[in-house]
Amino acid sequence: MALEEEQEQDDDDYKSSFKVDSFNNPILALKNFKNCSYDLVIIDIVMPQMDGFELSEKIRKVDDKVKICFLTAGGVPGKVRFDPLRAGYQDRFIRLPIENEVLIQQIGKIIIRS
């Protein structure tokens, strides 16, 4: 996985390797989520069983301080199209497809902020 690979350090950009726990089932991800264990949670908006916004709300009940970043290639089927600017997520919203290097830079910046 690109996020776990060692990256070169550059003075202008945050580059590093990350420890990643990956789940393709939001119920399993929530079950395994532990308070204060993560610097950042990256959630795809479109998932089976519950969408990314629902998962983020449930995660916030466990840890209201964890940083959350949303990934998506489009809108959520059957729901209003997500507007990251209106929702206040403009700096924590990554549209797919994205190059691995750009993804790593954006995630590093999110972790450093706030």
PDB file of N, CA and C in Angstrom:
ATOM      1  N   MET A   1       0.850  -1.174   0.000  1.00  0.00           N
ATOM      2  CA  MET A   1       0.000   0.000   0.000  1.00  0.00           C
ATOM      3  C   MET A   1       0.895   1.236   0.000  1.00  0.00           C
ATOM      4  N   ALA A   2       0.548   2.202  -0.816  1.00  0.00           N
ATOM      5  CA  ALA A   2       1.380   3.392  -1.005  1.00  0.00           C
ATOM      6  C   ALA A   2       1.618   4.159   0.288  1.00  0.00           C
ATOM      7  N   LEU A   3       0.654   4.190   1.185  1.00  0.00           N
ATOM      8  CA  LEU A   3       0.813   4.955   2.417  1.00  0.00           C
ATOM      9  C   LEU A   3       1.805   4.316   3.375  1.00  0.00           C
ATOM     10  N   GLU A   4       2.030   3.034   3.252  1.00  0.00           N
ATOM     11  CA  GLU A   4       2.955   2.351   4.151  1.00  0.00           C
ATOM     12  C   GLU A   4       4.382   2.297   3.615  1.00  0.00           C
ATOM     13  N   GLU A   5       4.565   2.637   2.351  1.00  0.00           N
ATOM     14  CA  GLU A   5       5.898   2.623   1.762  1.00  0.00           C
ATOM     15  C   GLU A   5       6.712   3.792   2.288  1.00  0.00           C
ATOM     16  N   GLU A   6       7.995   3.589   2.466  1.00  0.00           N
ATOM     17  CA  GLU A   6       8.882   4.652   2.953  1.00  0.00           C
ATOM     18  C   GLU A   6       9.021   5.720   1.873  1.00  0.00           C
ATOM     19  N   GLN A   7       8.865   6.972   2.260  1.00  0.00           N
ATOM     20  CA  GLN A   7       8.966   8.095   1.340  1.00  0.00           C
ATOM     21  C   GLN A   7      10.207   8.916   1.680  1.00  0.00           C
ATOM     22  N   GLU A   8      10.761   9.585   0.660  1.00  0.00           N
ATOM     23  CA  GLU A   8      11.903  10.474   0.896  1.00  0.00           C
ATOM     24  C   GLU A   8      11.463  11.710   1.639  1.00  0.00           C
ATOM     25  N   GLN A   9      12.328  12.228   2.521  1.00  0.00           N
ATOM     26  CA  GLN A   9      12.035  13.466   3.256  1.00  0.00           C
ATOM     27  C   GLN A   9      12.412  14.649   2.382  1.00  0.00           C
ATOM     28  N   ASP A  10      11.554  15.626   2.283  1.00  0.00           N
ATOM     29  CA  ASP A  10      11.777  16.826   1.494  1.00  0.00           C
ATOM     30  C   ASP A  10      11.458  18.018   2.391  1.00  0.00           C
ATOM     31  N   ASP A  11      12.282  19.072   2.348  1.00  0.00           N
ATOM     32  CA  ASP A  11      12.083  20.229   3.223  1.00  0.00           C
ATOM     33  C   ASP A  11      10.744  20.918   2.991  1.00  0.00           C
ATOM     34  N   ASP A  12      10.230  20.910   1.762  1.00  0.00           N
ATOM     35  CA  ASP A  12       9.003  21.630   1.439  1.00  0.00           C
ATOM     36  C   ASP A  12       7.740  20.810   1.674  1.00  0.00           C
ATOM     37  N   ASP A  13       7.846  19.517   1.657  1.00  0.00           N
ATOM     38  CA  ASP A  13       6.672  18.661   1.763  1.00  0.00           C
ATOM     39  C   ASP A  13       6.833  17.653   2.883  1.00  0.00           C
ATOM     40  N   TYR A  14       5.724  17.330   3.537  1.00  0.00           N
ATOM     41  CA  TYR A  14       5.703  16.289   4.554  1.00  0.00           C
ATOM     42  C   TYR A  14       5.633  14.960   3.826  1.00  0.00           C
ATOM     43  N   LYS A  15       6.627  14.137   4.001  1.00  0.00           N
ATOM     44  CA  LYS A  15       6.614  12.816   3.397  1.00  0.00           C
ATOM     45  C   LYS A  15       7.115  11.820   4.428  1.00  0.00           C
ATOM     46  N   SER A  16       6.407  10.750   4.579  1.00  0.00           N
ATOM     47  CA  SER A  16       6.775   9.747   5.555  1.00  0.00           C
ATOM     48  C   SER A  16       6.029   8.472   5.210  1.00  0.00           C
ATOM     49  N   SER A  17       6.275   7.438   5.985  1.00  0.00           N
ATOM     50  CA  SER A  17       5.453   6.243   5.856  1.00  0.00           C
ATOM     51  C   SER A  17       4.445   6.270   6.987  1.00  0.00           C
ATOM     52  N   PHE A  18       3.326   5.634   6.778  1.00  0.00           N
ATOM     53  CA  PHE A  18       2.263   5.621   7.751  1.00  0.00           C
ATOM     54  C   PHE A  18       1.937   4.188   8.125  1.00  0.00           C
ATOM     55  N   LYS A  19       1.530   3.956   9.349  1.00  0.00           N
ATOM     56  CA  LYS A  19       0.987   2.661   9.733  1.00  0.00           C
ATOM     57  C   LYS A  19      -0.490   2.718   9.368  1.00  0.00           C
ATOM     58  N   VAL A  20      -0.950   1.722   8.641  1.00  0.00           N
ATOM     59  CA  VAL A  20      -2.303   1.752   8.106  1.00  0.00           C
ATOM     60  C   VAL A  20      -3.078   0.516   8.547  1.00  0.00           C
ATOM     61  N   ASP A  21      -4.274   0.742   9.072  1.00  0.00           N
ATOM     62  CA  ASP A  21      -5.246  -0.322   9.276  1.00  0.00           C
ATOM     63  C   ASP A  21      -6.294  -0.107   8.209  1.00  0.00           C
ATOM     64  N   SER A  22      -6.583  -1.131   7.432  1.00  0.00           N
ATOM     65  CA  SER A  22      -7.479  -0.983   6.297  1.00  0.00           C
ATOM     66  C   SER A  22      -8.658  -1.942   6.436  1.00  0.00           C
ATOM     67  N   PHE A  23      -9.854  -1.418   6.193  1.00  0.00           N
ATOM     68  CA  PHE A  23     -11.066  -2.226   6.248  1.00  0.00           C
ATOM     69  C   PHE A  23     -11.900  -1.917   5.019  1.00  0.00           C
ATOM     70  N   ASN A  24     -12.513  -2.955   4.443  1.00  0.00           N
ATOM     71  CA  ASN A  24     -13.434  -2.720   3.331  1.00  0.00           C
ATOM     72  C   ASN A  24     -14.885  -2.884   3.779  1.00  0.00           C
ATOM     73  N   ASN A  25     -15.084  -3.025   5.077  1.00  0.00           N
ATOM     74  CA  ASN A  25     -16.405  -3.155   5.662  1.00  0.00           C
ATOM     75  C   ASN A  25     -16.532  -2.107   6.767  1.00  0.00           C
ATOM     76  N   PRO A  26     -17.447  -1.134   6.640  1.00  0.00           N
ATOM     77  CA  PRO A  26     -17.544  -0.073   7.635  1.00  0.00           C
ATOM     78  C   PRO A  26     -17.941  -0.572   9.025  1.00  0.00           C
ATOM     79  N   ILE A  27     -18.727  -1.634   9.095  1.00  0.00           N
ATOM     80  CA  ILE A  27     -19.122  -2.194  10.393  1.00  0.00           C
ATOM     81  C   ILE A  27     -17.892  -2.760  11.102  1.00  0.00           C
ATOM     82  N   LEU A  28     -17.066  -3.467  10.372  1.00  0.00           N
ATOM     83  CA  LEU A  28     -15.834  -4.019  10.934  1.00  0.00           C
ATOM     84  C   LEU A  28     -14.863  -2.905  11.320  1.00  0.00           C
ATOM     85  N   ALA A  29     -14.784  -1.862  10.500  1.00  0.00           N
ATOM     86  CA  ALA A  29     -13.913  -0.721  10.812  1.00  0.00           C
ATOM     87  C   ALA A  29     -14.343  -0.070  12.123  1.00  0.00           C
ATOM     88  N   LEU A  30     -15.633   0.143  12.285  1.00  0.00           N
ATOM     89  CA  LEU A  30     -16.149   0.755  13.506  1.00  0.00           C
ATOM     90  C   LEU A  30     -15.903  -0.146  14.715  1.00  0.00           C
ATOM     91  N   LYS A  31     -16.099  -1.415  14.538  1.00  0.00           N
ATOM     92  CA  LYS A  31     -15.896  -2.385  15.632  1.00  0.00           C
ATOM     93  C   LYS A  31     -14.446  -2.382  16.112  1.00  0.00           C
ATOM     94  N   ASN A  32     -13.501  -2.157  15.184  1.00  0.00           N
ATOM     95  CA  ASN A  32     -12.082  -2.181  15.516  1.00  0.00           C
ATOM     96  C   ASN A  32     -11.501  -0.813  15.865  1.00  0.00           C
ATOM     97  N   PHE A  33     -12.315   0.231  15.735  1.00  0.00           N
ATOM     98  CA  PHE A  33     -11.838   1.580  16.032  1.00  0.00           C
ATOM     99  C   PHE A  33     -11.663   1.747  17.537  1.00  0.00           C
ATOM    100  N   LYS A  34     -10.513   2.303  17.921  1.00  0.00           N
ATOM    101  CA  LYS A  34     -10.222   2.541  19.331  1.00  0.00           C
ATOM    102  C   LYS A  34      -9.924   4.016  19.542  1.00  0.00           C
ATOM    103  N   ASN A  35     -10.470   4.567  20.591  1.00  0.00           N
ATOM    104  CA  ASN A  35     -10.268   5.968  20.955  1.00  0.00           C
ATOM    105  C   ASN A  35      -8.775   6.275  21.095  1.00  0.00           C
ATOM    106  N   CYS A  36      -8.358   7.403  20.538  1.00  0.00           N
ATOM    107  CA  CYS A  36      -6.984   7.907  20.641  1.00  0.00           C
ATOM    108  C   CYS A  36      -5.940   6.995  20.004  1.00  0.00           C
ATOM    109  N   SER A  37      -6.341   6.150  19.081  1.00  0.00           N
ATOM    110  CA  SER A  37      -5.383   5.241  18.440  1.00  0.00           C
ATOM    111  C   SER A  37      -4.919   5.719  17.068  1.00  0.00           C
ATOM    112  N   TYR A  38      -5.592   6.725  16.505  1.00  0.00           N
ATOM    113  CA  TYR A  38      -5.317   7.135  15.131  1.00  0.00           C
ATOM    114  C   TYR A  38      -5.098   8.638  15.037  1.00  0.00           C
ATOM    115  N   ASP A  39      -4.153   9.031  14.183  1.00  0.00           N
ATOM    116  CA  ASP A  39      -3.956  10.441  13.876  1.00  0.00           C
ATOM    117  C   ASP A  39      -4.992  10.910  12.863  1.00  0.00           C
ATOM    118  N   LEU A  40      -5.413  10.003  11.999  1.00  0.00           N
ATOM    119  CA  LEU A  40      -6.334  10.341  10.922  1.00  0.00           C
ATOM    120  C   LEU A  40      -7.114   9.106  10.507  1.00  0.00           C
ATOM    121  N   VAL A  41      -8.396   9.288  10.233  1.00  0.00           N
ATOM    122  CA  VAL A  41      -9.228   8.232   9.669  1.00  0.00           C
ATOM    123  C   VAL A  41      -9.632   8.686   8.272  1.00  0.00           C
ATOM    124  N   ILE A  42      -9.360   7.855   7.285  1.00  0.00           N
ATOM    125  CA  ILE A  42      -9.706   8.152   5.901  1.00  0.00           C
ATOM    126  C   ILE A  42     -10.887   7.259   5.538  1.00  0.00           C
ATOM    127  N   ILE A  43     -11.984   7.897   5.137  1.00  0.00           N
ATOM    128  CA  ILE A  43     -13.217   7.157   4.894  1.00  0.00           C
ATOM    129  C   ILE A  43     -13.709   7.425   3.477  1.00  0.00           C
ATOM    130  N   ASP A  44     -13.964   6.353   2.739  1.00  0.00           N
ATOM    131  CA  ASP A  44     -14.616   6.499   1.440  1.00  0.00           C
ATOM    132  C   ASP A  44     -16.069   6.849   1.700  1.00  0.00           C
ATOM    133  N   ILE A  45     -16.620   7.731   0.926  1.00  0.00           N
ATOM    134  CA  ILE A  45     -18.005   8.140   1.141  1.00  0.00           C
ATOM    135  C   ILE A  45     -18.973   7.027   0.732  1.00  0.00           C
ATOM    136  N   VAL A  46     -18.698   6.367  -0.385  1.00  0.00           N
ATOM    137  CA  VAL A  46     -19.596   5.333  -0.887  1.00  0.00           C
ATOM    138  C   VAL A  46     -19.097   3.965  -0.427  1.00  0.00           C
ATOM    139  N   MET A  47     -19.883   3.366   0.482  1.00  0.00           N
ATOM    140  CA  MET A  47     -19.556   2.038   1.015  1.00  0.00           C
ATOM    141  C   MET A  47     -20.851   1.258   1.195  1.00  0.00           C
ATOM    142  N   PRO A  48     -20.731  -0.069   1.307  1.00  0.00           N
ATOM    143  CA  PRO A  48     -21.933  -0.863   1.589  1.00  0.00           C
ATOM    144  C   PRO A  48     -22.350  -0.713   3.052  1.00  0.00           C
ATOM    145  N   GLN A  49     -23.575  -0.960   3.352  1.00  0.00           N
ATOM    146  CA  GLN A  49     -24.148  -0.984   4.701  1.00  0.00           C
ATOM    147  C   GLN A  49     -24.330   0.390   5.345  1.00  0.00           C
ATOM    148  N   MET A  50     -23.388   1.309   5.182  1.00  0.00           N
ATOM    149  CA  MET A  50     -23.545   2.688   5.646  1.00  0.00           C
ATOM    150  C   MET A  50     -22.579   3.544   4.842  1.00  0.00           C
ATOM    151  N   ASP A  51     -22.938   4.796   4.599  1.00  0.00           N
ATOM    152  CA  ASP A  51     -22.020   5.640   3.842  1.00  0.00           C
ATOM    153  C   ASP A  51     -20.961   6.234   4.776  1.00  0.00           C
ATOM    154  N   GLY A  52     -19.993   6.894   4.200  1.00  0.00           N
ATOM    155  CA  GLY A  52     -18.878   7.430   4.971  1.00  0.00           C
ATOM    156  C   GLY A  52     -19.273   8.472   6.000  1.00  0.00           C
ATOM    157  N   PHE A  53     -20.315   9.236   5.711  1.00  0.00           N
ATOM    158  CA  PHE A  53     -20.768  10.251   6.668  1.00  0.00           C
ATOM    159  C   PHE A  53     -21.379   9.594   7.900  1.00  0.00           C
ATOM    160  N   GLU A  54     -22.148   8.540   7.684  1.00  0.00           N
ATOM    161  CA  GLU A  54     -22.716   7.804   8.816  1.00  0.00           C
ATOM    162  C   GLU A  54     -21.603   7.192   9.658  1.00  0.00           C
ATOM    163  N   LEU A  55     -20.607   6.595   8.995  1.00  0.00           N
ATOM    164  CA  LEU A  55     -19.483   6.013   9.727  1.00  0.00           C
ATOM    165  C   LEU A  55     -18.740   7.078  10.514  1.00  0.00           C
ATOM    166  N   SER A  56     -18.530   8.250   9.918  1.00  0.00           N
ATOM    167  CA  SER A  56     -17.806   9.309  10.628  1.00  0.00           C
ATOM    168  C   SER A  56     -18.567   9.760  11.871  1.00  0.00           C
ATOM    169  N   GLU A  57     -19.894   9.825  11.790  1.00  0.00           N
ATOM    170  CA  GLU A  57     -20.690  10.201  12.957  1.00  0.00           C
ATOM    171  C   GLU A  57     -20.543   9.178  14.077  1.00  0.00           C
ATOM    172  N   LYS A  58     -20.515   7.905  13.727  1.00  0.00           N
ATOM    173  CA  LYS A  58     -20.360   6.847  14.734  1.00  0.00           C
ATOM    174  C   LYS A  58     -18.948   6.870  15.331  1.00  0.00           C
ATOM    175  N   ILE A  59     -17.943   7.143  14.495  1.00  0.00           N
ATOM    176  CA  ILE A  59     -16.570   7.244  14.985  1.00  0.00           C
ATOM    177  C   ILE A  59     -16.449   8.421  15.944  1.00  0.00           C
ATOM    178  N   ARG A  60     -17.090   9.535  15.623  1.00  0.00           N
ATOM    179  CA  ARG A  60     -17.052  10.721  16.491  1.00  0.00           C
ATOM    180  C   ARG A  60     -17.645  10.447  17.870  1.00  0.00           C
ATOM    181  N   LYS A  61     -18.571   9.513  17.958  1.00  0.00           N
ATOM    182  CA  LYS A  61     -19.136   9.147  19.263  1.00  0.00           C
ATOM    183  C   LYS A  61     -18.111   8.409  20.120  1.00  0.00           C
ATOM    184  N   VAL A  62     -17.152   7.749  19.475  1.00  0.00           N
ATOM    185  CA  VAL A  62     -16.091   7.040  20.187  1.00  0.00           C
ATOM    186  C   VAL A  62     -14.931   7.983  20.488  1.00  0.00           C
ATOM    187  N   ASP A  63     -14.568   8.813  19.504  1.00  0.00           N
ATOM    188  CA  ASP A  63     -13.448   9.750  19.651  1.00  0.00           C
ATOM    189  C   ASP A  63     -13.809  11.041  18.913  1.00  0.00           C
ATOM    190  N   ASP A  64     -14.196  12.053  19.665  1.00  0.00           N
ATOM    191  CA  ASP A  64     -14.651  13.295  19.031  1.00  0.00           C
ATOM    192  C   ASP A  64     -13.508  14.197  18.586  1.00  0.00           C
ATOM    193  N   LYS A  65     -12.270  13.795  18.804  1.00  0.00           N
ATOM    194  CA  LYS A  65     -11.120  14.618  18.423  1.00  0.00           C
ATOM    195  C   LYS A  65     -10.357  14.075  17.206  1.00  0.00           C
ATOM    196  N   VAL A  66     -10.639  12.862  16.792  1.00  0.00           N
ATOM    197  CA  VAL A  66      -9.898  12.267  15.682  1.00  0.00           C
ATOM    198  C   VAL A  66     -10.160  13.049  14.393  1.00  0.00           C
ATOM    199  N   LYS A  67      -9.126  13.224  13.612  1.00  0.00           N
ATOM    200  CA  LYS A  67      -9.251  13.894  12.311  1.00  0.00           C
ATOM    201  C   LYS A  67      -9.824  12.892  11.313  1.00  0.00           C
ATOM    202  N   ILE A  68     -10.752  13.369  10.498  1.00  0.00           N
ATOM    203  CA  ILE A  68     -11.383  12.506   9.505  1.00  0.00           C
ATOM    204  C   ILE A  68     -11.250  13.159   8.139  1.00  0.00           C
ATOM    205  N   CYS A  69     -10.873  12.357   7.165  1.00  0.00           N
ATOM    206  CA  CYS A  69     -10.743  12.792   5.782  1.00  0.00           C
ATOM    207  C   CYS A  69     -11.629  11.892   4.927  1.00  0.00           C
ATOM    208  N   PHE A  70     -12.368  12.487   4.012  1.00  0.00           N
ATOM    209  CA  PHE A  70     -13.251  11.724   3.135  1.00  0.00           C
ATOM    210  C   PHE A  70     -12.640  11.575   1.751  1.00  0.00           C
ATOM    211  N   LEU A  71     -12.809  10.392   1.172  1.00  0.00           N
ATOM    212  CA  LEU A  71     -12.407  10.107  -0.206  1.00  0.00           C
ATOM    213  C   LEU A  71     -13.654   9.807  -1.011  1.00  0.00           C
ATOM    214  N   THR A  72     -13.678  10.248  -2.250  1.00  0.00           N
ATOM    215  CA  THR A  72     -14.778   9.860  -3.122  1.00  0.00           C
ATOM    216  C   THR A  72     -14.431  10.112  -4.585  1.00  0.00           C
ATOM    217  N   ALA A  73     -15.066   9.339  -5.432  1.00  0.00           N
ATOM    218  CA  ALA A  73     -14.960   9.557  -6.867  1.00  0.00           C
ATOM    219  C   ALA A  73     -16.219  10.245  -7.379  1.00  0.00           C
ATOM    220  N   GLY A  74     -17.199  10.460  -6.516  1.00  0.00           N
ATOM    221  CA  GLY A  74     -18.447  11.084  -6.938  1.00  0.00           C
ATOM    222  C   GLY A  74     -19.383  11.279  -5.770  1.00  0.00           C
ATOM    223  N   GLY A  75     -20.646  11.425  -6.068  1.00  0.00           N
ATOM    224  CA  GLY A  75     -21.659  11.645  -5.040  1.00  0.00           C
ATOM    225  C   GLY A  75     -22.098  10.345  -4.387  1.00  0.00           C
ATOM    226  N   VAL A  76     -22.958  10.463  -3.406  1.00  0.00           N
ATOM    227  CA  VAL A  76     -23.528   9.316  -2.720  1.00  0.00           C
ATOM    228  C   VAL A  76     -24.849   8.971  -3.388  1.00  0.00           C
ATOM    229  N   PRO A  77     -24.987   7.739  -3.917  1.00  0.00           N
ATOM    230  CA  PRO A  77     -26.231   7.370  -4.599  1.00  0.00           C
ATOM    231  C   PRO A  77     -27.444   7.560  -3.687  1.00  0.00           C
ATOM    232  N   GLY A  78     -28.496   8.194  -4.233  1.00  0.00           N
ATOM    233  CA  GLY A  78     -29.728   8.376  -3.486  1.00  0.00           C
ATOM    234  C   GLY A  78     -29.690   9.490  -2.460  1.00  0.00           C
ATOM    235  N   LYS A  79     -28.592  10.241  -2.391  1.00  0.00           N
ATOM    236  CA  LYS A  79     -28.481  11.333  -1.428  1.00  0.00           C
ATOM    237  C   LYS A  79     -28.092  12.609  -2.162  1.00  0.00           C
ATOM    238  N   VAL A  80     -28.243  13.717  -1.479  1.00  0.00           N
ATOM    239  CA  VAL A  80     -27.844  14.996  -2.041  1.00  0.00           C
ATOM    240  C   VAL A  80     -26.357  14.974  -2.306  1.00  0.00           C
ATOM    241  N   ARG A  81     -25.951  15.519  -3.420  1.00  0.00           N
ATOM    242  CA  ARG A  81     -24.525  15.573  -3.753  1.00  0.00           C
ATOM    243  C   ARG A  81     -23.779  16.311  -2.657  1.00  0.00           C
ATOM    244  N   PHE A  82     -22.664  15.755  -2.221  1.00  0.00           N
ATOM    245  CA  PHE A  82     -21.880  16.311  -1.124  1.00  0.00           C
ATOM    246  C   PHE A  82     -21.119  17.545  -1.580  1.00  0.00           C
ATOM    247  N   ASP A  83     -21.251  18.619  -0.850  1.00  0.00           N
ATOM    248  CA  ASP A  83     -20.530  19.854  -1.121  1.00  0.00           C
ATOM    249  C   ASP A  83     -19.524  20.074   0.005  1.00  0.00           C
ATOM    250  N   PRO A  84     -18.242  19.766  -0.225  1.00  0.00           N
ATOM    251  CA  PRO A  84     -17.250  19.862   0.847  1.00  0.00           C
ATOM    252  C   PRO A  84     -17.074  21.275   1.381  1.00  0.00           C
ATOM    253  N   LEU A  85     -17.273  22.278   0.557  1.00  0.00           N
ATOM    254  CA  LEU A  85     -17.120  23.654   1.030  1.00  0.00           C
ATOM    255  C   LEU A  85     -18.241  24.035   1.992  1.00  0.00           C
ATOM    256  N   ARG A  86     -19.467  23.694   1.642  1.00  0.00           N
ATOM    257  CA  ARG A  86     -20.597  24.017   2.495  1.00  0.00           C
ATOM    258  C   ARG A  86     -20.529  23.239   3.815  1.00  0.00           C
ATOM    259  N   ALA A  87     -20.044  22.019   3.777  1.00  0.00           N
ATOM    260  CA  ALA A  87     -19.999  21.174   4.968  1.00  0.00           C
ATOM    261  C   ALA A  87     -18.784  21.469   5.849  1.00  0.00           C
ATOM    262  N   GLY A  88     -17.875  22.322   5.387  1.00  0.00           N
ATOM    263  CA  GLY A  88     -16.704  22.653   6.187  1.00  0.00           C
ATOM    264  C   GLY A  88     -15.586  21.627   6.107  1.00  0.00           C
ATOM    265  N   TYR A  89     -15.609  20.782   5.093  1.00  0.00           N
ATOM    266  CA  TYR A  89     -14.600  19.738   4.948  1.00  0.00           C
ATOM    267  C   TYR A  89     -13.619  20.026   3.814  1.00  0.00           C
ATOM    268  N   GLN A  90     -13.551  21.267   3.320  1.00  0.00           N
ATOM    269  CA  GLN A  90     -12.759  21.543   2.132  1.00  0.00           C
ATOM    270  C   GLN A  90     -11.310  21.089   2.260  1.00  0.00           C
ATOM    271  N   ASP A  91     -10.756  21.104   3.461  1.00  0.00           N
ATOM    272  CA  ASP A  91      -9.367  20.680   3.625  1.00  0.00           C
ATOM    273  C   ASP A  91      -9.254  19.208   4.002  1.00  0.00           C
ATOM    274  N   ARG A  92     -10.377  18.515   4.097  1.00  0.00           N
ATOM    275  CA  ARG A  92     -10.350  17.105   4.462  1.00  0.00           C
ATOM    276  C   ARG A  92     -11.219  16.290   3.519  1.00  0.00           C
ATOM    277  N   PHE A  93     -11.136  16.641   2.263  1.00  0.00           N
ATOM    278  CA  PHE A  93     -11.939  15.990   1.244  1.00  0.00           C
ATOM    279  C   PHE A  93     -11.035  15.744   0.051  1.00  0.00           C
ATOM    280  N   ILE A  94     -10.840  14.493  -0.306  1.00  0.00           N
ATOM    281  CA  ILE A  94      -9.941  14.146  -1.405  1.00  0.00           C
ATOM    282  C   ILE A  94     -10.753  13.437  -2.484  1.00  0.00           C
ATOM    283  N   ARG A  95     -10.716  14.017  -3.680  1.00  0.00           N
ATOM    284  CA  ARG A  95     -11.439  13.431  -4.809  1.00  0.00           C
ATOM    285  C   ARG A  95     -10.529  12.438  -5.539  1.00  0.00           C
ATOM    286  N   LEU A  96     -11.092  11.282  -5.838  1.00  0.00           N
ATOM    287  CA  LEU A  96     -10.380  10.239  -6.569  1.00  0.00           C
ATOM    288  C   LEU A  96     -10.699  10.368  -8.054  1.00  0.00           C
ATOM    289  N   PRO A  97      -9.864   9.941  -8.940  1.00  0.00           N
ATOM    290  CA  PRO A  97      -8.556   9.331  -8.701  1.00  0.00           C
ATOM    291  C   PRO A  97      -7.514  10.373  -8.294  1.00  0.00           C
ATOM    292  N   ILE A  98      -6.469   9.893  -7.624  1.00  0.00           N
ATOM    293  CA  ILE A  98      -5.394  10.771  -7.169  1.00  0.00           C
ATOM    294  C   ILE A  98      -4.090   9.995  -7.229  1.00  0.00           C
ATOM    295  N   GLU A  99      -3.032  10.683  -7.602  1.00  0.00           N
ATOM    296  CA  GLU A  99      -1.711  10.060  -7.642  1.00  0.00           C
ATOM    297  C   GLU A  99      -1.257   9.759  -6.216  1.00  0.00           C
ATOM    298  N   ASN A 100      -0.549   8.666  -6.020  1.00  0.00           N
ATOM    299  CA  ASN A 100      -0.091   8.269  -4.682  1.00  0.00           C
ATOM    300  C   ASN A 100       0.710   9.365  -3.992  1.00  0.00           C
ATOM    301  N   GLU A 101       1.609   9.992  -4.713  1.00  0.00           N
ATOM    302  CA  GLU A 101       2.462  11.029  -4.118  1.00  0.00           C
ATOM    303  C   GLU A 101       1.634  12.215  -3.622  1.00  0.00           C
ATOM    304  N   VAL A 102       0.644  12.615  -4.399  1.00  0.00           N
ATOM    305  CA  VAL A 102      -0.223  13.733  -4.009  1.00  0.00           C
ATOM    306  C   VAL A 102      -1.057  13.337  -2.791  1.00  0.00           C
ATOM    307  N   LEU A 103      -1.566  12.112  -2.779  1.00  0.00           N
ATOM    308  CA  LEU A 103      -2.336  11.614  -1.642  1.00  0.00           C
ATOM    309  C   LEU A 103      -1.493  11.642  -0.372  1.00  0.00           C
ATOM    310  N   ILE A 104      -0.271  11.172  -0.441  1.00  0.00           N
ATOM    311  CA  ILE A 104       0.629  11.153   0.717  1.00  0.00           C
ATOM    312  C   ILE A 104       0.893  12.573   1.216  1.00  0.00           C
ATOM    313  N   GLN A 105       1.130  13.504   0.302  1.00  0.00           N
ATOM    314  CA  GLN A 105       1.355  14.901   0.697  1.00  0.00           C
ATOM    315  C   GLN A 105       0.131  15.490   1.383  1.00  0.00           C
ATOM    316  N   GLN A 106      -1.050  15.261   0.810  1.00  0.00           N
ATOM    317  CA  GLN A 106      -2.269  15.817   1.395  1.00  0.00           C
ATOM    318  C   GLN A 106      -2.546  15.233   2.777  1.00  0.00           C
ATOM    319  N   ILE A 107      -2.354  13.940   2.932  1.00  0.00           N
ATOM    320  CA  ILE A 107      -2.579  13.305   4.229  1.00  0.00           C
ATOM    321  C   ILE A 107      -1.588  13.831   5.261  1.00  0.00           C
ATOM    322  N   GLY A 108      -0.333  13.975   4.876  1.00  0.00           N
ATOM    323  CA  GLY A 108       0.665  14.535   5.787  1.00  0.00           C
ATOM    324  C   GLY A 108       0.297  15.923   6.250  1.00  0.00           C
ATOM    325  N   LYS A 109      -0.197  16.742   5.351  1.00  0.00           N
ATOM    326  CA  LYS A 109      -0.595  18.117   5.713  1.00  0.00           C
ATOM    327  C   LYS A 109      -1.793  18.108   6.638  1.00  0.00           C
ATOM    328  N   ILE A 110      -2.745  17.213   6.417  1.00  0.00           N
ATOM    329  CA  ILE A 110      -3.918  17.117   7.290  1.00  0.00           C
ATOM    330  C   ILE A 110      -3.498  16.706   8.704  1.00  0.00           C
ATOM    331  N   ILE A 111      -2.582  15.770   8.795  1.00  0.00           N
ATOM    332  CA  ILE A 111      -2.121  15.297  10.105  1.00  0.00           C
ATOM    333  C   ILE A 111      -1.413  16.415  10.865  1.00  0.00           C
ATOM    334  N   ILE A 112      -0.632  17.221  10.175  1.00  0.00           N
ATOM    335  CA  ILE A 112       0.126  18.307  10.813  1.00  0.00           C
ATOM    336  C   ILE A 112      -0.807  19.414  11.280  1.00  0.00           C
ATOM    337  N   ARG A 113      -1.842  19.743  10.478  1.00  0.00           N
ATOM    338  CA  ARG A 113      -2.786  20.823  10.819  1.00  0.00           C
ATOM    339  C   ARG A 113      -3.626  20.484  12.025  1.00  0.00           C
ATOM    340  N   SER A 114      -4.184  21.492  12.601  1.00  0.00           N
ATOM    341  CA  SER A 114      -5.138  21.461  13.716  1.00  0.00           C
ATOM    342  C   SER A 114      -4.768  20.511  14.743  1.00  0.00           C
TER     343      SER A 114
END
